[in-house]
């Protein structure tokens, strides 16, 4: 009897240890992945037709939901085809083509891992107007803040670092990702306001848009002699008004 109890105790102890390891591993995975869970660039509907209704409004950057993307080294970016046409993309560094996707049918995707820093180009093999850049660097600034009213978190990534000690002579690029708190997946169809506020509490930049796929971008020329804050306000989700929610990021 005692021998049987010892065997059962060993089995129970083994089960508890394995359960503890699994739980800890999941916690580590979720913690590490949270800031970079949004690495998806969407090919938006109508991108294959430059003259499609509405495309004349977005000739600069709206064939992808982000055409200047920011990631750290050793991260993977996925391009998802939300268009009704087939697409094929290539990844280049300078004049060297690093990878080319297969033909992506609607709702198919292509992924590429960037293991070195630098500025990379992605472009369509078929449609010359579809192109963008991925900046890969380890000195990106990135923060994730959770809203209190609508269960949506906002990840804000920006480059270069904003500091009154550094004389910035180029725009600061921002990537916003709206994430569901419960799943950490991109939250689609978010109405938002993105504001940059200076040290005098004046709004120096405002962008008010609808985010179809949970990723948005902005590029802003800022004065290096000032300190800034970024505010992201959410006032609509899935085409319905919601209780206004806001998160505030210190940028310096």
Protein backbone atom coordinates (compact mmCIF):
# COMPACT_ATOMS: atom_id res chain seq x y z
CA UNK A 1 0.00 0.00 0.00
CA UNK A 2 2.78 2.41 0.99
CA UNK A 3 4.64 1.54 -2.21
CA UNK A 4 1.54 2.35 -4.25
CA UNK A 5 1.14 5.70 -2.48
CA UNK A 6 4.79 6.55 -3.20
CA UNK A 7 4.29 5.81 -6.89
CA UNK A 8 1.14 7.94 -7.01
CA UNK A 9 2.95 10.76 -5.20
CA UNK A 10 5.81 10.67 -7.72
CA UNK A 11 3.34 10.76 -10.62
CA UNK A 12 1.50 13.70 -9.05
CA UNK A 13 4.76 15.56 -8.42
CA UNK A 14 5.86 14.96 -12.01
CA UNK A 15 2.52 16.30 -13.29
CA UNK A 16 2.74 19.42 -11.12
CA UNK A 17 6.32 20.14 -12.21
CA UNK A 18 5.40 19.74 -15.90
CA UNK A 19 2.36 21.99 -15.46
CA UNK A 20 4.50 24.64 -13.78
CA UNK A 21 7.04 24.54 -16.63
CA UNK A 22 4.31 24.88 -19.26
CA UNK A 23 2.66 27.81 -17.46
CA UNK A 24 5.97 29.63 -17.02
CA UNK A 25 6.87 29.06 -20.67
CA UNK A 26 3.56 30.49 -21.81
CA UNK A 27 4.00 33.53 -19.58
CA UNK A 28 7.47 34.15 -20.97
CA UNK A 29 6.25 33.73 -24.54
CA UNK A 30 3.36 36.14 -24.06
CA UNK A 31 5.56 38.68 -22.30
CA UNK A 32 8.27 38.60 -24.96
CA UNK A 33 5.85 38.67 -27.86
CA UNK A 34 3.55 41.42 -26.68
CA UNK A 35 5.42 44.42 -28.03
CA UNK A 36 5.95 42.87 -31.45
CA UNK A 37 2.74 40.90 -31.97
CA UNK A 38 1.63 43.24 -34.72
CA UNK A 39 4.19 42.58 -37.47
CA UNK A 40 1.60 42.26 -40.24
CA UNK A 41 1.45 44.53 -43.28
CA UNK A 42 -1.82 44.28 -45.18
CA UNK A 43 -2.24 44.68 -48.93
CA UNK A 44 -5.44 46.66 -48.99
CA UNK A 45 -8.40 46.06 -51.34
CA UNK A 46 -8.07 47.75 -54.72
CA UNK A 47 -4.27 47.93 -54.62
CA UNK A 48 -3.87 46.10 -57.92
CA UNK A 49 -5.79 48.82 -59.76
CA UNK A 50 -4.07 52.19 -59.48
CA UNK A 51 -7.13 53.90 -60.95
CA UNK A 52 -9.68 52.14 -58.74
CA UNK A 53 -12.24 54.42 -57.05
CA UNK A 54 -10.65 55.79 -53.91
CA UNK A 55 -7.04 55.05 -54.86
CA UNK A 56 -6.57 58.61 -56.08
CA UNK A 57 -6.85 59.63 -52.42
CA UNK A 58 -4.01 57.38 -51.32
CA UNK A 59 -1.40 57.49 -54.08
CA UNK A 60 1.43 57.86 -51.58
CA UNK A 61 0.94 55.07 -49.08
CA UNK A 62 -2.39 53.33 -49.12
CA UNK A 63 -1.71 50.27 -51.20
CA UNK A 64 -0.37 48.82 -47.95
CA UNK A 65 -1.70 49.79 -44.54
CA UNK A 66 1.90 50.74 -43.68
CA UNK A 67 4.62 51.50 -46.21
CA UNK A 68 7.31 52.49 -43.70
CA UNK A 69 7.51 49.73 -41.11
CA UNK A 70 9.69 49.54 -37.99
CA UNK A 71 10.96 46.33 -36.39
CA UNK A 72 13.93 45.20 -34.28
CA UNK A 73 16.53 42.76 -35.58
CA UNK A 74 15.54 39.08 -35.79
CA UNK A 75 11.84 39.75 -36.26
CA UNK A 76 9.54 38.38 -38.95
CA UNK A 77 7.16 40.52 -40.98
CA UNK A 78 4.12 39.00 -42.68
CA UNK A 79 2.39 40.51 -45.71
CA UNK A 80 -1.28 39.54 -45.92
CA UNK A 81 -3.24 39.85 -49.16
CA UNK A 82 -6.61 41.41 -48.38
CA UNK A 83 -7.09 42.43 -52.00
CA UNK A 84 -9.32 40.57 -54.45
CA UNK A 85 -6.41 40.13 -56.89
CA UNK A 86 -3.29 37.99 -56.78
CA UNK A 87 -0.05 39.62 -55.64
CA UNK A 88 3.65 38.80 -55.65
CA UNK A 89 6.19 40.69 -53.54
CA UNK A 90 9.96 40.88 -53.41
CA UNK A 91 12.28 41.96 -50.59
CA UNK A 92 15.40 43.92 -51.51
CA UNK A 93 18.39 45.47 -49.78
CA UNK A 94 19.93 48.03 -52.07
CA UNK A 95 20.08 46.42 -55.51
CA UNK A 96 20.07 42.87 -54.12
CA UNK A 97 16.83 40.90 -54.15
CA UNK A 98 16.77 38.81 -50.97
CA UNK A 99 13.48 36.98 -51.37
CA UNK A 100 10.42 36.79 -53.57
CA UNK A 101 7.06 35.45 -52.56
CA UNK A 102 5.01 32.94 -54.46
CA UNK A 103 1.90 34.36 -56.07
CA UNK A 104 -0.39 35.19 -53.15
CA UNK A 105 -4.04 34.61 -53.81
CA UNK A 106 -6.62 36.57 -51.78
CA UNK A 107 -6.29 35.80 -48.06
CA UNK A 108 -2.84 34.26 -48.48
CA UNK A 109 0.35 35.61 -46.91
CA UNK A 110 4.12 35.76 -47.20
CA UNK A 111 6.64 36.12 -44.36
CA UNK A 112 10.28 37.14 -44.20
CA UNK A 113 12.65 37.26 -41.22
CA UNK A 114 15.06 40.21 -40.99
CA UNK A 115 18.22 39.11 -39.18
CA UNK A 116 20.35 42.20 -39.85
CA UNK A 117 19.75 45.87 -39.31
CA UNK A 118 19.30 48.24 -42.22
CA UNK A 119 16.72 49.74 -44.54
CA UNK A 120 14.94 47.20 -46.73
CA UNK A 121 12.55 47.65 -49.63
CA UNK A 122 9.44 45.63 -50.36
CA UNK A 123 7.71 46.01 -53.69
CA UNK A 124 5.27 44.35 -56.02
CA UNK A 125 6.64 42.28 -58.87
CA UNK A 126 3.52 43.17 -60.88
CA UNK A 127 2.36 46.65 -59.85
CA UNK A 128 5.13 49.28 -59.79
CA UNK A 129 3.18 51.70 -57.59
CA UNK A 130 3.13 49.21 -54.71
CA UNK A 131 6.27 49.64 -52.63
CA UNK A 132 7.48 50.46 -49.15
CA UNK A 133 10.32 50.16 -46.66
CA UNK A 134 11.11 48.17 -43.53
CA UNK A 135 13.59 49.77 -41.13
CA UNK A 136 15.31 47.16 -38.99
CA UNK A 137 17.16 48.49 -35.94
CA UNK A 138 17.81 47.55 -32.32
CA UNK A 139 17.48 51.11 -31.04
CA UNK A 140 13.78 51.54 -31.79
CA UNK A 141 11.59 53.01 -29.08
CA UNK A 142 8.48 50.96 -28.36
CA UNK A 143 5.83 51.00 -25.63
CA UNK A 144 2.52 49.23 -25.15
CA UNK A 145 -0.23 50.81 -23.06
CA UNK A 146 -3.62 49.31 -22.32
CA UNK A 147 -6.79 51.35 -22.59
CA UNK A 148 -9.14 51.20 -19.62
CA UNK A 149 -12.52 51.31 -21.34
CA UNK A 150 -12.56 49.20 -24.50
CA UNK A 151 -10.13 46.31 -23.87
CA UNK A 152 -7.81 47.59 -26.59
CA UNK A 153 -4.09 48.16 -26.08
CA UNK A 154 -1.96 50.46 -28.22
CA UNK A 155 1.61 49.66 -29.16
CA UNK A 156 3.54 52.71 -30.36
CA UNK A 157 6.93 52.30 -32.01
CA UNK A 158 9.02 55.22 -33.22
CA UNK A 159 12.38 56.01 -34.77
CA UNK A 160 14.67 57.87 -34.43
CA UNK A 161 14.71 58.43 -30.69
CA UNK A 162 13.24 61.80 -29.75
CA UNK A 163 15.61 63.69 -27.48
CA UNK A 164 16.30 67.34 -26.93
CA UNK A 165 19.97 66.33 -26.77
CA UNK A 166 19.92 65.00 -30.32
CA UNK A 167 19.51 67.36 -33.26
CA UNK A 168 16.95 65.59 -35.43
CA UNK A 169 17.11 66.47 -39.11
CA UNK A 170 14.66 63.88 -40.37
CA UNK A 171 11.04 62.98 -39.67
CA UNK A 172 10.20 60.75 -36.76
CA UNK A 173 8.39 57.68 -38.03
CA UNK A 174 5.61 56.15 -35.94
CA UNK A 175 3.87 52.79 -36.17
CA UNK A 176 0.66 52.28 -34.16
CA UNK A 177 -0.75 48.82 -33.52
CA UNK A 178 -4.16 48.33 -31.95
CA UNK A 179 -4.23 45.04 -30.03
CA UNK A 180 -7.03 43.12 -28.36
CA UNK A 181 -6.16 42.77 -24.67
CA UNK A 182 -7.48 39.23 -24.43
CA UNK A 183 -5.78 37.77 -27.50
CA UNK A 184 -2.94 40.22 -28.31
CA UNK A 185 -4.08 40.07 -31.94
CA UNK A 186 -4.54 43.11 -34.14
CA UNK A 187 -7.86 44.84 -33.51
CA UNK A 188 -9.53 45.68 -36.80
CA UNK A 189 -11.75 48.66 -37.62
CA UNK A 190 -10.70 51.22 -35.04
CA UNK A 191 -11.52 54.93 -35.31
CA UNK A 192 -8.69 56.86 -33.73
CA UNK A 193 -6.98 60.20 -33.25
CA UNK A 194 -3.19 60.41 -33.06
CA UNK A 195 -1.85 63.63 -31.56
CA UNK A 196 1.63 65.00 -30.87
CA UNK A 197 1.67 67.53 -28.03
CA UNK A 198 4.62 69.77 -27.24
CA UNK A 199 5.91 71.00 -23.88
CA UNK A 200 3.53 73.99 -24.06
CA UNK A 201 0.60 71.56 -24.27
CA UNK A 202 -0.11 72.62 -27.85
CA UNK A 203 -1.10 70.03 -30.45
CA UNK A 204 1.49 70.21 -33.23
CA UNK A 205 0.23 67.23 -35.21
CA UNK A 206 -3.11 65.47 -35.51
CA UNK A 207 -4.15 62.46 -37.57
CA UNK A 208 -7.75 61.20 -37.41
CA UNK A 209 -8.44 58.05 -39.41
CA UNK A 210 -10.13 54.66 -39.50
CA UNK A 211 -7.75 51.73 -39.07
CA UNK A 212 -9.07 48.83 -41.12
CA UNK A 213 -6.50 46.22 -40.04
CA UNK A 214 -5.09 47.53 -36.76
CA UNK A 215 -1.85 49.02 -38.10
CA UNK A 216 -1.32 52.72 -38.79
CA UNK A 217 1.65 54.94 -39.53
CA UNK A 218 2.63 58.58 -39.29
CA UNK A 219 5.74 60.62 -40.05
CA UNK A 220 6.24 63.93 -38.25
CA UNK A 221 9.02 66.51 -38.35
CA UNK A 222 9.66 67.56 -34.76
CA UNK A 223 11.76 70.27 -33.15
CA UNK A 224 14.71 68.67 -31.29
CA UNK A 225 14.70 71.51 -28.77
CA UNK A 226 11.26 70.52 -27.45
CA UNK A 227 9.87 67.65 -25.44
CA UNK A 228 6.82 65.82 -26.79
CA UNK A 229 4.03 63.48 -25.82
CA UNK A 230 1.93 61.31 -28.11
CA UNK A 231 -1.74 60.69 -27.44
CA UNK A 232 -3.80 57.97 -29.09
CA UNK A 233 -7.57 58.31 -28.68
CA UNK A 234 -10.07 55.59 -29.64
CA UNK A 235 -13.67 56.65 -30.23
CA UNK A 236 -15.05 53.91 -32.49
CA UNK A 237 -14.67 50.15 -32.93
CA UNK A 238 -16.16 48.06 -35.75
CA UNK A 239 -18.11 51.07 -37.08
CA UNK A 240 -19.77 51.72 -33.72
CA UNK A 241 -19.10 54.62 -31.34
CA UNK A 242 -17.52 53.62 -28.04
CA UNK A 243 -16.65 55.35 -24.82
CA UNK A 244 -13.67 57.55 -25.71
CA UNK A 245 -10.42 56.04 -24.48
CA UNK A 246 -6.95 57.54 -24.55
CA UNK A 247 -3.39 56.51 -23.79
CA UNK A 248 -0.44 58.86 -23.43
CA UNK A 249 3.18 58.14 -24.39
CA UNK A 250 6.21 60.13 -23.22
CA UNK A 251 8.42 60.43 -26.28
CA UNK A 252 11.66 61.71 -24.77
